[in-house]
């Protein structure tokens, strides 16, 4: 009891801010990070690996092909994270409160704003890709977001977020193609400018079976896609909002409203560079419960490579999918970043 009384007395001597920080640290949940058995090297993909002791509570391995050592967390979103308990708290806040501003979550977790910004994108990169095909009636439409270079330093024009106030379909509108059969949602940042049949094929071409039905507005690219995919297609004039037989894309429109509220009002805009990551998270939590302790999050060893090469992938996207000019590249680099075609495939833009 004497020790408890001494702790209380010392605690009362702290300032209010220090008391709050102390309580936050004491309330951090003591959880065990999954430490599953590794079957291949995250660097060279060889299966010739052996156990190589332990480090900081995690099993280490050595690859007999490239002679590099690694742990279960190497290459995952936890790679190089020193304050792992705070990263776990970050994930708990995402689970309970969803996407909130960087400033708010940085304060809640007790890390700097730049750290909170980086951690968010590492976590968002872990959202799994949907492999199932659509079943039954599928609604499809594109969501429009103004092209944004938010946070990009060195721009010479006054509108730092890099867009245009011109109305209508133009080369400053980022098209987020959205398709859903109400069981799963697929969102793909397809093009900056008018969407084409090829953009639709690249985004959702492998998600349809010939027996399914597609419902869209009267955009010619949808008609061409449905004809080539040999699927039933019901279209309507956009201003009528529904087909003569009653089909509509109201479910997609509802999704659009919720996502735009988060992007435009909660987050105060998102750079086009990161829009795909936020839409992936949104579409995932609409149908699934996010859990930072899900073992599947720790099995993706391409997260570090993807995270350190986001800028390069964004450059490729701008050059291939728009008429915009790639400007003011970020100068941040990492010694251990890799670059190969496999990394491009892991990132959702390409």
Protein backbone atom coordinates (compact mmCIF):
# COMPACT_ATOMS: atom_id res chain seq x y z
CA UNK A 1 0.00 0.00 0.00
CA UNK A 2 2.88 2.36 0.71
CA UNK A 3 4.14 1.96 -2.88
CA UNK A 4 0.67 2.73 -4.26
CA UNK A 5 0.42 5.87 -2.12
CA UNK A 6 3.86 6.99 -3.31
CA UNK A 7 2.83 6.46 -6.96
CA UNK A 8 -0.34 8.51 -6.40
CA UNK A 9 1.63 11.32 -4.77
CA UNK A 10 4.14 11.41 -7.65
CA UNK A 11 1.34 11.28 -10.20
CA UNK A 12 -0.37 14.33 -8.67
CA UNK A 13 2.86 16.29 -9.01
CA UNK A 14 2.79 15.89 -12.78
CA UNK A 15 1.26 18.52 -15.05
CA UNK A 16 -2.16 17.78 -16.56
CA UNK A 17 -0.60 17.04 -19.97
CA UNK A 18 1.93 14.62 -18.41
CA UNK A 19 -0.85 12.96 -16.41
CA UNK A 20 -2.86 12.42 -19.60
CA UNK A 21 0.16 10.98 -21.46
CA UNK A 22 0.92 8.65 -18.54
CA UNK A 23 -2.67 7.38 -18.42
CA UNK A 24 -2.69 6.83 -22.18
CA UNK A 25 0.52 4.77 -21.97
CA UNK A 26 -0.84 2.70 -19.08
CA UNK A 27 -4.04 1.99 -21.00
CA UNK A 28 -2.21 0.54 -24.04
CA UNK A 29 -3.39 -3.02 -24.49
CA UNK A 30 -0.75 -5.68 -24.10
CA UNK A 31 -1.39 -7.79 -27.17
CA UNK A 32 0.67 -10.37 -28.96
CA UNK A 33 1.58 -9.65 -32.58
CA UNK A 34 1.06 -12.76 -34.75
CA UNK A 35 4.32 -14.64 -35.31
CA UNK A 36 3.31 -17.25 -37.90
CA UNK A 37 5.69 -19.76 -39.50
CA UNK A 38 7.52 -18.41 -42.56
CA UNK A 39 7.70 -20.61 -45.64
CA UNK A 40 9.74 -18.44 -48.04
CA UNK A 41 12.29 -15.65 -48.09
CA UNK A 42 10.65 -12.19 -48.48
CA UNK A 43 13.66 -11.00 -50.53
CA UNK A 44 14.33 -13.72 -53.12
CA UNK A 45 11.19 -15.87 -52.57
CA UNK A 46 13.31 -18.99 -52.04
CA UNK A 47 11.83 -21.74 -49.86
CA UNK A 48 15.30 -22.77 -48.64
CA UNK A 49 15.06 -21.09 -45.24
CA UNK A 50 16.13 -22.21 -41.77
CA UNK A 51 15.32 -21.00 -38.26
CA UNK A 52 17.91 -18.57 -36.97
CA UNK A 53 17.15 -17.87 -33.32
CA UNK A 54 14.93 -15.10 -31.95
CA UNK A 55 15.08 -11.32 -31.77
CA UNK A 56 12.79 -9.04 -29.72
CA UNK A 57 10.38 -11.88 -29.11
CA UNK A 58 10.04 -12.90 -32.77
CA UNK A 59 11.44 -15.93 -34.56
CA UNK A 60 14.21 -15.08 -37.04
CA UNK A 61 15.10 -16.98 -40.20
CA UNK A 62 17.99 -17.16 -42.63
CA UNK A 63 17.72 -17.78 -46.35
CA UNK A 64 20.26 -20.31 -47.66
CA UNK A 65 19.93 -18.87 -51.18
CA UNK A 66 20.64 -15.17 -50.54
CA UNK A 67 22.09 -15.49 -46.98
CA UNK A 68 19.83 -12.71 -45.65
CA UNK A 69 18.10 -12.91 -42.28
CA UNK A 70 14.53 -11.84 -41.56
CA UNK A 71 11.63 -12.20 -39.14
CA UNK A 72 7.89 -12.74 -39.51
CA UNK A 73 7.43 -8.94 -39.67
CA UNK A 74 10.02 -8.23 -42.40
CA UNK A 75 8.36 -6.55 -45.36
CA UNK A 76 4.97 -6.25 -43.62
CA UNK A 77 3.28 -3.04 -42.49
CA UNK A 78 5.09 -3.51 -39.13
CA UNK A 79 8.49 -3.45 -40.85
CA UNK A 80 10.82 -0.91 -39.15
CA UNK A 81 8.14 0.14 -36.63
CA UNK A 82 9.80 0.77 -33.28
CA UNK A 83 6.70 1.68 -31.24
CA UNK A 84 4.67 -1.37 -32.17
CA UNK A 85 2.26 -0.98 -29.25
CA UNK A 86 1.29 2.46 -30.56
CA UNK A 87 0.80 1.08 -34.06
CA UNK A 88 -1.61 -1.45 -32.58
CA UNK A 89 -3.45 1.37 -30.81
CA UNK A 90 -3.61 3.18 -34.17
CA UNK A 91 -5.30 0.14 -35.68
CA UNK A 92 -7.80 -0.05 -32.80
CA UNK A 93 -8.80 3.58 -33.42
CA UNK A 94 -9.26 2.87 -37.14
CA UNK A 95 -11.48 -0.07 -36.20
CA UNK A 96 -13.61 1.87 -33.71
CA UNK A 97 -13.76 5.35 -35.30
CA UNK A 98 -12.92 4.78 -38.95
CA UNK A 99 -10.98 7.36 -40.94
CA UNK A 100 -10.44 10.58 -38.99
CA UNK A 101 -8.07 13.49 -39.54
CA UNK A 102 -4.33 12.89 -39.21
CA UNK A 103 -4.05 15.53 -36.47
CA UNK A 104 -6.72 13.86 -34.34
CA UNK A 105 -5.35 10.34 -34.62
CA UNK A 106 -1.78 11.55 -34.02
CA UNK A 107 -2.94 13.14 -30.76
CA UNK A 108 -4.89 10.06 -29.69
CA UNK A 109 -1.98 7.66 -30.38
CA UNK A 110 0.74 9.98 -29.10
CA UNK A 111 2.92 10.22 -32.22
CA UNK A 112 3.90 13.06 -34.55
CA UNK A 113 1.68 14.06 -37.50
CA UNK A 114 4.22 12.84 -40.15
CA UNK A 115 4.46 9.48 -38.36
CA UNK A 116 0.66 9.15 -38.19
CA UNK A 117 0.51 9.99 -41.91
CA UNK A 118 3.01 7.27 -42.85
CA UNK A 119 1.47 4.67 -40.54
CA UNK A 120 -1.98 5.21 -42.04
CA UNK A 121 -0.79 4.42 -45.57
CA UNK A 122 1.16 1.37 -44.42
CA UNK A 123 -2.02 0.00 -42.86
CA UNK A 124 -4.18 0.89 -45.87
CA UNK A 125 -1.79 -0.99 -48.16
CA UNK A 126 -2.66 -4.23 -46.32
CA UNK A 127 -6.31 -4.21 -47.42
CA UNK A 128 -6.72 -7.50 -49.34
CA UNK A 129 -7.71 -7.56 -53.00
CA UNK A 130 -11.05 -9.10 -53.85
CA UNK A 131 -10.71 -12.23 -55.99
CA UNK A 132 -14.34 -13.40 -56.16
CA UNK A 133 -16.40 -12.78 -59.29
CA UNK A 134 -19.64 -10.81 -59.28
CA UNK A 135 -22.87 -12.74 -58.97
CA UNK A 136 -26.28 -11.72 -60.27
CA UNK A 137 -27.14 -8.10 -60.99
CA UNK A 138 -24.13 -5.76 -60.76
CA UNK A 139 -24.35 -1.98 -60.63
CA UNK A 140 -21.49 0.10 -62.00
CA UNK A 141 -20.81 3.82 -62.18
CA UNK A 142 -17.86 6.18 -61.82
CA UNK A 143 -17.33 8.60 -58.94
CA UNK A 144 -15.70 11.92 -59.78
CA UNK A 145 -13.01 13.53 -57.64
CA UNK A 146 -11.16 16.70 -58.56
CA UNK A 147 -7.49 16.00 -59.34
CA UNK A 148 -5.52 16.87 -56.20
CA UNK A 149 -1.84 17.38 -55.44
CA UNK A 150 -2.50 18.06 -51.78
CA UNK A 151 0.71 18.14 -49.75
CA UNK A 152 2.99 18.34 -52.81
CA UNK A 153 5.59 21.03 -52.25
CA UNK A 154 7.08 23.30 -54.90
CA UNK A 155 3.98 23.96 -57.02
CA UNK A 156 4.14 27.43 -58.59
CA UNK A 157 0.43 28.04 -59.13
CA UNK A 158 -1.84 29.26 -56.36
CA UNK A 159 -4.23 26.30 -56.29
CA UNK A 160 -1.96 23.95 -54.36
CA UNK A 161 -4.29 21.02 -54.79
CA UNK A 162 -3.77 21.17 -58.52
CA UNK A 163 -7.28 21.00 -59.95
CA UNK A 164 -9.63 23.13 -62.01
CA UNK A 165 -13.01 24.72 -61.33
CA UNK A 166 -14.28 23.82 -64.80
CA UNK A 167 -17.61 22.00 -64.73
CA UNK A 168 -18.38 18.73 -66.51
CA UNK A 169 -16.23 15.85 -67.68
CA UNK A 170 -12.71 17.17 -68.22
CA UNK A 171 -9.05 16.24 -67.81
CA UNK A 172 -9.02 17.30 -64.15
CA UNK A 173 -11.66 14.79 -63.04
CA UNK A 174 -10.32 11.60 -61.42
CA UNK A 175 -12.65 8.70 -62.21
CA UNK A 176 -13.11 6.15 -59.44
CA UNK A 177 -14.86 3.25 -61.16
CA UNK A 178 -17.20 1.53 -58.69
CA UNK A 179 -18.91 -1.83 -59.23
CA UNK A 180 -20.91 -3.89 -56.76
CA UNK A 181 -23.27 -6.85 -56.64
CA UNK A 182 -24.14 -5.78 -53.05
CA UNK A 183 -22.05 -8.68 -51.71
CA UNK A 184 -18.70 -7.14 -52.58
CA UNK A 185 -17.56 -3.68 -53.65
CA UNK A 186 -14.74 -2.94 -56.07
CA UNK A 187 -13.39 0.61 -56.40
CA UNK A 188 -10.64 1.41 -58.87
CA UNK A 189 -9.00 4.75 -59.68
CA UNK A 190 -9.10 4.31 -63.44
CA UNK A 191 -8.23 7.53 -65.25
CA UNK A 192 -7.97 11.28 -64.96
CA UNK A 193 -10.29 12.34 -67.77
CA UNK A 194 -12.97 10.57 -69.79
CA UNK A 195 -13.11 6.86 -69.02
CA UNK A 196 -12.70 4.33 -71.84
CA UNK A 197 -13.65 0.71 -72.48
CA UNK A 198 -10.05 -0.36 -71.88
CA UNK A 199 -10.07 1.34 -68.45
CA UNK A 200 -13.14 -0.67 -67.49
CA UNK A 201 -11.55 -3.91 -68.71
CA UNK A 202 -8.40 -3.27 -66.66
CA UNK A 203 -10.43 -2.38 -63.56
CA UNK A 204 -13.12 -5.09 -63.44
CA UNK A 205 -12.78 -7.14 -66.63
CA UNK A 206 -11.92 -10.32 -64.74
CA UNK A 207 -14.80 -9.95 -62.26
CA UNK A 208 -17.67 -10.87 -64.59
CA UNK A 209 -19.08 -14.17 -65.79
CA UNK A 210 -21.03 -14.23 -69.07
CA UNK A 211 -24.21 -15.20 -67.19
CA UNK A 212 -24.32 -11.98 -65.12
CA UNK A 213 -26.24 -8.75 -65.67
CA UNK A 214 -24.70 -5.26 -65.69
CA UNK A 215 -26.66 -2.11 -64.88
CA UNK A 216 -25.16 1.30 -65.78
CA UNK A 217 -26.08 4.67 -67.20
CA UNK A 218 -25.87 5.24 -70.96
CA UNK A 219 -22.12 5.90 -71.20
CA UNK A 220 -20.87 4.39 -74.49
CA UNK A 221 -17.81 2.83 -72.81
CA UNK A 222 -20.08 0.67 -70.62
CA UNK A 223 -21.98 -0.50 -73.70
CA UNK A 224 -18.75 -1.43 -75.49
CA UNK A 225 -17.45 -3.26 -72.42
CA UNK A 226 -20.64 -5.28 -71.96
CA UNK A 227 -20.69 -6.20 -75.66
CA UNK A 228 -17.09 -7.42 -75.59
CA UNK A 229 -17.59 -9.28 -72.28
CA UNK A 230 -20.79 -10.85 -73.68
CA UNK A 231 -22.89 -10.02 -70.64
CA UNK A 232 -26.47 -8.76 -70.40
CA UNK A 233 -26.47 -4.98 -70.17
CA UNK A 234 -29.26 -2.68 -69.01
CA UNK A 235 -28.61 1.05 -69.40
CA UNK A 236 -30.62 4.23 -68.91
CA UNK A 237 -30.30 7.96 -69.45
CA UNK A 238 -28.54 9.36 -66.39
CA UNK A 239 -31.08 12.13 -65.76
CA UNK A 240 -33.88 9.52 -65.57
CA UNK A 241 -32.05 7.73 -62.72
CA UNK A 242 -33.45 4.31 -63.62
CA UNK A 243 -34.26 2.04 -66.54
CA UNK A 244 -37.81 1.49 -67.84
CA UNK A 245 -37.76 -1.94 -66.17
CA UNK A 246 -36.80 -0.41 -62.80
CA UNK A 247 -33.08 -1.19 -62.59
CA UNK A 248 -30.88 1.61 -61.21
CA UNK A 249 -27.48 2.36 -59.67
CA UNK A 250 -28.84 3.78 -56.41
CA UNK A 251 -26.69 1.48 -54.28
CA UNK A 252 -23.54 2.83 -55.96
CA UNK A 253 -24.82 6.38 -55.52
CA UNK A 254 -25.28 5.79 -51.79
CA UNK A 255 -21.72 4.48 -51.55
CA UNK A 256 -20.52 7.57 -53.42
CA UNK A 257 -22.26 9.87 -50.97
CA UNK A 258 -20.70 8.20 -47.93
CA UNK A 259 -17.21 8.07 -49.44
CA UNK A 260 -17.31 11.69 -50.59
CA UNK A 261 -18.40 12.79 -47.11
CA UNK A 262 -15.32 11.11 -45.63
CA UNK A 263 -12.90 12.36 -48.30
CA UNK A 264 -14.17 15.94 -48.64
CA UNK A 265 -15.40 16.78 -45.14
CA UNK A 266 -13.76 14.46 -42.59
CA UNK A 267 -10.31 14.34 -44.24
CA UNK A 268 -10.60 17.73 -45.98
CA UNK A 269 -9.50 16.28 -49.30
CA UNK A 270 -7.12 13.48 -50.26
CA UNK A 271 -4.26 13.64 -52.74
CA UNK A 272 -4.93 11.69 -55.95
CA UNK A 273 -1.73 9.84 -55.11
CA UNK A 274 -3.47 8.16 -52.16
CA UNK A 275 -7.11 8.08 -53.30
CA UNK A 276 -6.96 4.39 -54.22
CA UNK A 277 -5.79 3.43 -50.74
CA UNK A 278 -8.65 5.25 -49.02
CA UNK A 279 -11.25 3.82 -51.41
CA UNK A 280 -9.85 0.31 -50.80
CA UNK A 281 -10.29 0.76 -47.05
CA UNK A 282 -13.79 2.20 -47.45
CA UNK A 283 -14.98 -0.62 -49.74
CA UNK A 284 -13.47 -3.23 -47.39
CA UNK A 285 -15.03 -1.98 -44.13
CA UNK A 286 -18.42 -1.64 -45.82
CA UNK A 287 -18.56 -5.46 -45.93
CA UNK A 288 -15.94 -6.58 -43.39
CA UNK A 289 -14.72 -5.73 -39.91
CA UNK A 290 -11.21 -4.27 -39.89
CA UNK A 291 -8.88 -5.94 -37.37
CA UNK A 292 -5.20 -5.01 -37.09
CA UNK A 293 -4.50 -8.38 -35.43
CA UNK A 294 -5.87 -10.37 -38.38
CA UNK A 295 -3.05 -12.75 -39.33
CA UNK A 296 -3.68 -12.09 -43.02
CA UNK A 297 -2.39 -8.54 -42.52
CA UNK A 298 0.98 -9.95 -41.46
CA UNK A 299 1.34 -12.37 -44.36
CA UNK A 300 1.77 -9.71 -47.04
CA UNK A 301 5.54 -9.12 -47.17
CA UNK A 302 5.29 -6.69 -50.12
CA UNK A 303 3.99 -3.80 -48.01
CA UNK A 304 7.39 -2.25 -47.37
CA UNK A 305 8.34 -2.35 -51.06
CA UNK A 306 4.94 -0.92 -52.03
CA UNK A 307 5.11 1.82 -49.41
CA UNK A 308 8.61 2.96 -50.36
CA UNK A 309 7.70 3.05 -54.05
CA UNK A 310 4.33 4.81 -53.93
CA UNK A 311 5.84 7.95 -55.48
CA UNK A 312 7.25 6.01 -58.44
CA UNK A 313 3.93 4.25 -58.97
CA UNK A 314 2.08 7.57 -58.82
CA UNK A 315 4.43 8.92 -61.50
CA UNK A 316 3.65 5.91 -63.72
CA UNK A 317 -0.07 6.43 -63.16
CA UNK A 318 0.06 10.12 -64.14
CA UNK A 319 2.04 9.33 -67.29
CA UNK A 320 -0.12 6.40 -68.41
CA UNK A 321 -3.60 7.37 -67.26
CA UNK A 322 -3.81 11.14 -67.72
CA UNK A 323 -2.68 14.15 -69.71
CA UNK A 324 -1.50 15.86 -66.53
CA UNK A 325 2.17 16.65 -65.96
CA UNK A 326 4.03 14.86 -63.18
CA UNK A 327 5.42 17.65 -61.00
CA UNK A 328 7.51 18.21 -57.87
CA UNK A 329 8.52 14.63 -56.93
CA UNK A 330 9.03 13.92 -53.24
CA UNK A 331 12.64 13.51 -52.18
CA UNK A 332 12.09 10.96 -49.42
CA UNK A 333 13.92 7.67 -50.06
CA UNK A 334 14.76 4.56 -48.06
CA UNK A 335 17.99 2.58 -48.20
CA UNK A 336 16.22 -0.76 -48.22
CA UNK A 337 13.59 -0.02 -50.87
CA UNK A 338 13.44 -2.33 -53.87
CA UNK A 339 12.01 -1.71 -57.32
CA UNK A 340 10.70 -4.32 -59.74
CA UNK A 341 7.64 -5.13 -61.85
CA UNK A 342 6.17 -7.31 -59.10
CA UNK A 343 5.88 -4.29 -56.81
CA UNK A 344 3.91 -2.42 -59.47
CA UNK A 345 1.40 -5.25 -59.64
CA UNK A 346 0.90 -5.15 -55.87
CA UNK A 347 -0.16 -1.50 -56.00
CA UNK A 348 -3.71 -0.88 -57.14
CA UNK A 349 -3.18 1.96 -59.63
CA UNK A 350 -1.40 -0.07 -62.34
